[in-house]
């Protein structure tokens, strides 16, 4: 399925086309990494907000 972008018949694909399809299927790592860091940060901030709000009389 990934090879159909570069080659019409999958059985005739060469190693270069297979490598190209494999590299194209990988997502960019930096946005995923920083998005996860931001999600964890906002989760911790929300947890601290709820914990401190419950302790105020």
PDB file of N, CA and C in Angstrom:
ATOM      1  N   UNK A   1       0.821  -1.195   0.000  1.00  0.00           N
ATOM      2  CA  UNK A   1       0.000   0.000   0.000  1.00  0.00           C
ATOM      3  C   UNK A   1       0.868   1.263   0.000  1.00  0.00           C
ATOM      4  N   UNK A   2       1.951   1.252   0.757  1.00  0.00           N
ATOM      5  CA  UNK A   2       2.807   2.431   0.808  1.00  0.00           C
ATOM      6  C   UNK A   2       3.559   2.652  -0.498  1.00  0.00           C
ATOM      7  N   UNK A   3       3.834   1.568  -1.210  1.00  0.00           N
ATOM      8  CA  UNK A   3       4.608   1.670  -2.444  1.00  0.00           C
ATOM      9  C   UNK A   3       3.803   2.200  -3.622  1.00  0.00           C
ATOM     10  N   UNK A   4       2.496   2.172  -3.549  1.00  0.00           N
ATOM     11  CA  UNK A   4       1.674   2.577  -4.691  1.00  0.00           C
ATOM     12  C   UNK A   4       1.847   4.055  -5.032  1.00  0.00           C
ATOM     13  N   UNK A   5       2.353   4.843  -4.104  1.00  0.00           N
ATOM     14  CA  UNK A   5       2.601   6.259  -4.391  1.00  0.00           C
ATOM     15  C   UNK A   5       3.747   6.416  -5.389  1.00  0.00           C
ATOM     16  N   UNK A   6       4.734   5.519  -5.361  1.00  0.00           N
ATOM     17  CA  UNK A   6       5.920   5.641  -6.209  1.00  0.00           C
ATOM     18  C   UNK A   6       6.006   4.602  -7.318  1.00  0.00           C
ATOM     19  N   UNK A   7       5.227   3.533  -7.194  1.00  0.00           N
ATOM     20  CA  UNK A   7       5.339   2.455  -8.184  1.00  0.00           C
ATOM     21  C   UNK A   7       3.968   1.836  -8.388  1.00  0.00           C
ATOM     22  N   UNK A   8       3.620   1.556  -9.652  1.00  0.00           N
ATOM     23  CA  UNK A   8       2.282   1.027  -9.943  1.00  0.00           C
ATOM     24  C   UNK A   8       2.105  -0.403  -9.452  1.00  0.00           C
ATOM     25  N   UNK A   9       3.090  -1.247  -9.686  1.00  0.00           N
ATOM     26  CA  UNK A   9       2.988  -2.633  -9.246  1.00  0.00           C
ATOM     27  C   UNK A   9       3.959  -2.861  -8.091  1.00  0.00           C
ATOM     28  N   UNK A  10       3.435  -3.364  -7.005  1.00  0.00           N
ATOM     29  CA  UNK A  10       4.228  -3.510  -5.788  1.00  0.00           C
ATOM     30  C   UNK A  10       5.280  -4.599  -5.934  1.00  0.00           C
ATOM     31  N   UNK A  11       4.980  -5.646  -6.682  1.00  0.00           N
ATOM     32  CA  UNK A  11       5.927  -6.765  -6.794  1.00  0.00           C
ATOM     33  C   UNK A  11       7.175  -6.405  -7.581  1.00  0.00           C
ATOM     34  N   UNK A  12       7.126  -5.345  -8.406  1.00  0.00           N
ATOM     35  CA  UNK A  12       8.284  -4.938  -9.203  1.00  0.00           C
ATOM     36  C   UNK A  12       9.122  -3.860  -8.526  1.00  0.00           C
ATOM     37  N   UNK A  13       8.780  -3.451  -7.341  1.00  0.00           N
ATOM     38  CA  UNK A  13       9.489  -2.356  -6.683  1.00  0.00           C
ATOM     39  C   UNK A  13      10.890  -2.791  -6.276  1.00  0.00           C
ATOM     40  N   UNK A  14      11.823  -1.882  -6.454  1.00  0.00           N
ATOM     41  CA  UNK A  14      13.207  -2.160  -6.094  1.00  0.00           C
ATOM     42  C   UNK A  14      13.514  -1.711  -4.671  1.00  0.00           C
ATOM     43  N   UNK A  15      14.689  -2.013  -4.191  1.00  0.00           N
ATOM     44  CA  UNK A  15      15.069  -1.634  -2.830  1.00  0.00           C
ATOM     45  C   UNK A  15      15.047  -0.125  -2.593  1.00  0.00           C
ATOM     46  N   UNK A  16      15.400   0.662  -3.595  1.00  0.00           N
ATOM     47  CA  UNK A  16      15.387   2.122  -3.422  1.00  0.00           C
ATOM     48  C   UNK A  16      13.959   2.631  -3.221  1.00  0.00           C
ATOM     49  N   UNK A  17      13.025   2.083  -3.956  1.00  0.00           N
ATOM     50  CA  UNK A  17      11.630   2.511  -3.815  1.00  0.00           C
ATOM     51  C   UNK A  17      11.043   2.038  -2.484  1.00  0.00           C
ATOM     52  N   UNK A  18      11.461   0.876  -2.042  1.00  0.00           N
ATOM     53  CA  UNK A  18      11.001   0.378  -0.741  1.00  0.00           C
ATOM     54  C   UNK A  18      11.543   1.262   0.377  1.00  0.00           C
ATOM     55  N   UNK A  19      12.806   1.657   0.285  1.00  0.00           N
ATOM     56  CA  UNK A  19      13.389   2.554   1.286  1.00  0.00           C
ATOM     57  C   UNK A  19      12.715   3.912   1.272  1.00  0.00           C
ATOM     58  N   UNK A  20      12.407   4.418   0.083  1.00  0.00           N
ATOM     59  CA  UNK A  20      11.724   5.710  -0.036  1.00  0.00           C
ATOM     60  C   UNK A  20      10.340   5.648   0.603  1.00  0.00           C
ATOM     61  N   UNK A  21       9.608   4.568   0.382  1.00  0.00           N
ATOM     62  CA  UNK A  21       8.281   4.414   0.970  1.00  0.00           C
ATOM     63  C   UNK A  21       8.370   4.272   2.488  1.00  0.00           C
ATOM     64  N   UNK A  22       9.377   3.586   2.970  1.00  0.00           N
ATOM     65  CA  UNK A  22       9.536   3.415   4.413  1.00  0.00           C
ATOM     66  C   UNK A  22       9.861   4.745   5.083  1.00  0.00           C
ATOM     67  N   UNK A  23      10.728   5.552   4.474  1.00  0.00           N
ATOM     68  CA  UNK A  23      11.084   6.852   5.045  1.00  0.00           C
ATOM     69  C   UNK A  23       9.908   7.819   5.001  1.00  0.00           C
ATOM     70  N   UNK A  24       9.090   7.731   3.970  1.00  0.00           N
ATOM     71  CA  UNK A  24       7.941   8.632   3.842  1.00  0.00           C
ATOM     72  C   UNK A  24       6.838   8.294   4.840  1.00  0.00           C
ATOM     73  N   UNK A  25       6.834   7.091   5.369  1.00  0.00           N
ATOM     74  CA  UNK A  25       5.781   6.694   6.300  1.00  0.00           C
ATOM     75  C   UNK A  25       6.074   7.119   7.737  1.00  0.00           C
ATOM     76  N   UNK A  26       7.295   7.594   8.005  1.00  0.00           N
ATOM     77  CA  UNK A  26       7.652   8.012   9.357  1.00  0.00           C
ATOM     78  C   UNK A  26       7.162   9.429   9.620  1.00  0.00           C
ATOM     79  N   UNK A  27       6.498   9.666  10.750  1.00  0.00           N
ATOM     80  CA  UNK A  27       6.039  11.022  11.045  1.00  0.00           C
ATOM     81  C   UNK A  27       7.203  11.894  11.514  1.00  0.00           C
ATOM     82  N   UNK A  28       7.060  13.203  11.405  1.00  0.00           N
ATOM     83  CA  UNK A  28       8.113  14.077  11.931  1.00  0.00           C
ATOM     84  C   UNK A  28       8.154  13.973  13.453  1.00  0.00           C
ATOM     85  N   UNK A  29       9.339  13.816  14.006  1.00  0.00           N
ATOM     86  CA  UNK A  29       9.470  13.521  15.434  1.00  0.00           C
ATOM     87  C   UNK A  29       9.348  14.761  16.315  1.00  0.00           C
ATOM     88  N   UNK A  30       9.844  15.902  15.879  1.00  0.00           N
ATOM     89  CA  UNK A  30       9.875  17.087  16.735  1.00  0.00           C
ATOM     90  C   UNK A  30       8.481  17.566  17.156  1.00  0.00           C
ATOM     91  N   UNK A  31       7.500  17.693  16.255  1.00  0.00           N
ATOM     92  CA  UNK A  31       6.177  18.134  16.706  1.00  0.00           C
ATOM     93  C   UNK A  31       5.521  17.141  17.666  1.00  0.00           C
ATOM     94  N   UNK A  32       5.737  15.856  17.443  1.00  0.00           N
ATOM     95  CA  UNK A  32       5.172  14.858  18.352  1.00  0.00           C
ATOM     96  C   UNK A  32       5.821  14.947  19.730  1.00  0.00           C
ATOM     97  N   UNK A  33       7.121  15.131  19.763  1.00  0.00           N
ATOM     98  CA  UNK A  33       7.847  15.228  21.020  1.00  0.00           C
ATOM     99  C   UNK A  33       7.399  16.440  21.819  1.00  0.00           C
ATOM    100  N   UNK A  34       7.409  17.609  21.186  1.00  0.00           N
ATOM    101  CA  UNK A  34       7.053  18.832  21.904  1.00  0.00           C
ATOM    102  C   UNK A  34       5.559  18.884  22.212  1.00  0.00           C
ATOM    103  N   UNK A  35       4.736  18.295  21.367  1.00  0.00           N
ATOM    104  CA  UNK A  35       3.304  18.222  21.668  1.00  0.00           C
ATOM    105  C   UNK A  35       3.042  17.376  22.903  1.00  0.00           C
ATOM    106  N   UNK A  36       3.771  16.279  23.033  1.00  0.00           N
ATOM    107  CA  UNK A  36       3.630  15.432  24.215  1.00  0.00           C
ATOM    108  C   UNK A  36       4.105  16.169  25.464  1.00  0.00           C
ATOM    109  N   UNK A  37       5.231  16.888  25.357  1.00  0.00           N
ATOM    110  CA  UNK A  37       5.734  17.660  26.498  1.00  0.00           C
ATOM    111  C   UNK A  37       4.713  18.718  26.932  1.00  0.00           C
ATOM    112  N   UNK A  38       4.096  19.404  25.981  1.00  0.00           N
ATOM    113  CA  UNK A  38       3.094  20.424  26.302  1.00  0.00           C
ATOM    114  C   UNK A  38       1.869  19.783  26.959  1.00  0.00           C
ATOM    115  N   UNK A  39       1.446  18.624  26.468  1.00  0.00           N
ATOM    116  CA  UNK A  39       0.297  17.932  27.036  1.00  0.00           C
ATOM    117  C   UNK A  39       0.572  17.536  28.488  1.00  0.00           C
ATOM    118  N   UNK A  40       1.753  17.035  28.768  1.00  0.00           N
ATOM    119  CA  UNK A  40       2.118  16.663  30.142  1.00  0.00           C
ATOM    120  C   UNK A  40       2.174  17.905  31.029  1.00  0.00           C
ATOM    121  N   UNK A  41       2.740  18.988  30.523  1.00  0.00           N
ATOM    122  CA  UNK A  41       2.824  20.227  31.291  1.00  0.00           C
ATOM    123  C   UNK A  41       1.434  20.734  31.663  1.00  0.00           C
ATOM    124  N   UNK A  42       0.519  20.777  30.709  1.00  0.00           N
ATOM    125  CA  UNK A  42      -0.829  21.257  30.998  1.00  0.00           C
ATOM    126  C   UNK A  42      -1.573  20.307  31.935  1.00  0.00           C
ATOM    127  N   UNK A  43      -1.304  19.030  31.852  1.00  0.00           N
ATOM    128  CA  UNK A  43      -1.903  18.079  32.778  1.00  0.00           C
ATOM    129  C   UNK A  43      -1.420  18.290  34.203  1.00  0.00           C
ATOM    130  N   UNK A  44      -0.129  18.520  34.365  1.00  0.00           N
ATOM    131  CA  UNK A  44       0.426  18.777  35.698  1.00  0.00           C
ATOM    132  C   UNK A  44      -0.110  20.096  36.243  1.00  0.00           C
ATOM    133  N   UNK A  45      -0.179  21.125  35.393  1.00  0.00           N
ATOM    134  CA  UNK A  45      -0.733  22.406  35.837  1.00  0.00           C
ATOM    135  C   UNK A  45      -2.203  22.276  36.251  1.00  0.00           C
ATOM    136  N   UNK A  46      -2.976  21.507  35.505  1.00  0.00           N
ATOM    137  CA  UNK A  46      -4.375  21.285  35.866  1.00  0.00           C
ATOM    138  C   UNK A  46      -4.472  20.529  37.185  1.00  0.00           C
ATOM    139  N   UNK A  47      -3.648  19.529  37.391  1.00  0.00           N
ATOM    140  CA  UNK A  47      -3.653  18.771  38.631  1.00  0.00           C
ATOM    141  C   UNK A  47      -3.287  19.668  39.813  1.00  0.00           C
ATOM    142  N   UNK A  48      -2.251  20.479  39.653  1.00  0.00           N
ATOM    143  CA  UNK A  48      -1.863  21.392  40.729  1.00  0.00           C
ATOM    144  C   UNK A  48      -2.955  22.432  41.005  1.00  0.00           C
ATOM    145  N   UNK A  49      -3.628  22.887  39.982  1.00  0.00           N
ATOM    146  CA  UNK A  49      -4.726  23.842  40.157  1.00  0.00           C
ATOM    147  C   UNK A  49      -5.846  23.225  40.967  1.00  0.00           C
ATOM    148  N   UNK A  50      -6.230  22.024  40.638  1.00  0.00           N
ATOM    149  CA  UNK A  50      -7.313  21.354  41.362  1.00  0.00           C
ATOM    150  C   UNK A  50      -6.911  21.017  42.801  1.00  0.00           C
ATOM    151  N   UNK A  51      -5.657  20.638  42.987  1.00  0.00           N
ATOM    152  CA  UNK A  51      -5.205  20.314  44.345  1.00  0.00           C
ATOM    153  C   UNK A  51      -5.152  21.551  45.231  1.00  0.00           C
ATOM    154  N   UNK A  52      -4.668  22.664  44.692  1.00  0.00           N
ATOM    155  CA  UNK A  52      -4.594  23.881  45.488  1.00  0.00           C
ATOM    156  C   UNK A  52      -5.963  24.512  45.686  1.00  0.00           C
ATOM    157  N   UNK A  53      -6.858  24.368  44.732  1.00  0.00           N
ATOM    158  CA  UNK A  53      -8.195  24.932  44.874  1.00  0.00           C
ATOM    159  C   UNK A  53      -8.991  24.183  45.940  1.00  0.00           C
ATOM    160  N   UNK A  54      -8.725  22.915  46.102  1.00  0.00           N
ATOM    161  CA  UNK A  54      -9.442  22.141  47.131  1.00  0.00           C
ATOM    162  C   UNK A  54      -8.948  22.403  48.530  1.00  0.00           C
ATOM    163  N   UNK A  55      -7.740  22.929  48.681  1.00  0.00           N
ATOM    164  CA  UNK A  55      -7.190  23.146  50.006  1.00  0.00           C
ATOM    165  C   UNK A  55      -7.463  24.561  50.538  1.00  0.00           C
ATOM    166  N   UNK A  56      -8.005  25.434  49.718  1.00  0.00           N
ATOM    167  CA  UNK A  56      -8.308  26.808  50.145  1.00  0.00           C
ATOM    168  C   UNK A  56      -9.664  26.810  50.843  1.00  0.00           C
ATOM    169  N   UNK A  57      -9.742  27.379  52.058  1.00  0.00           N
ATOM    170  CA  UNK A  57     -11.030  27.349  52.777  1.00  0.00           C
ATOM    171  C   UNK A  57     -12.050  28.304  52.222  1.00  0.00           C
TER     172      UNK A  57
END
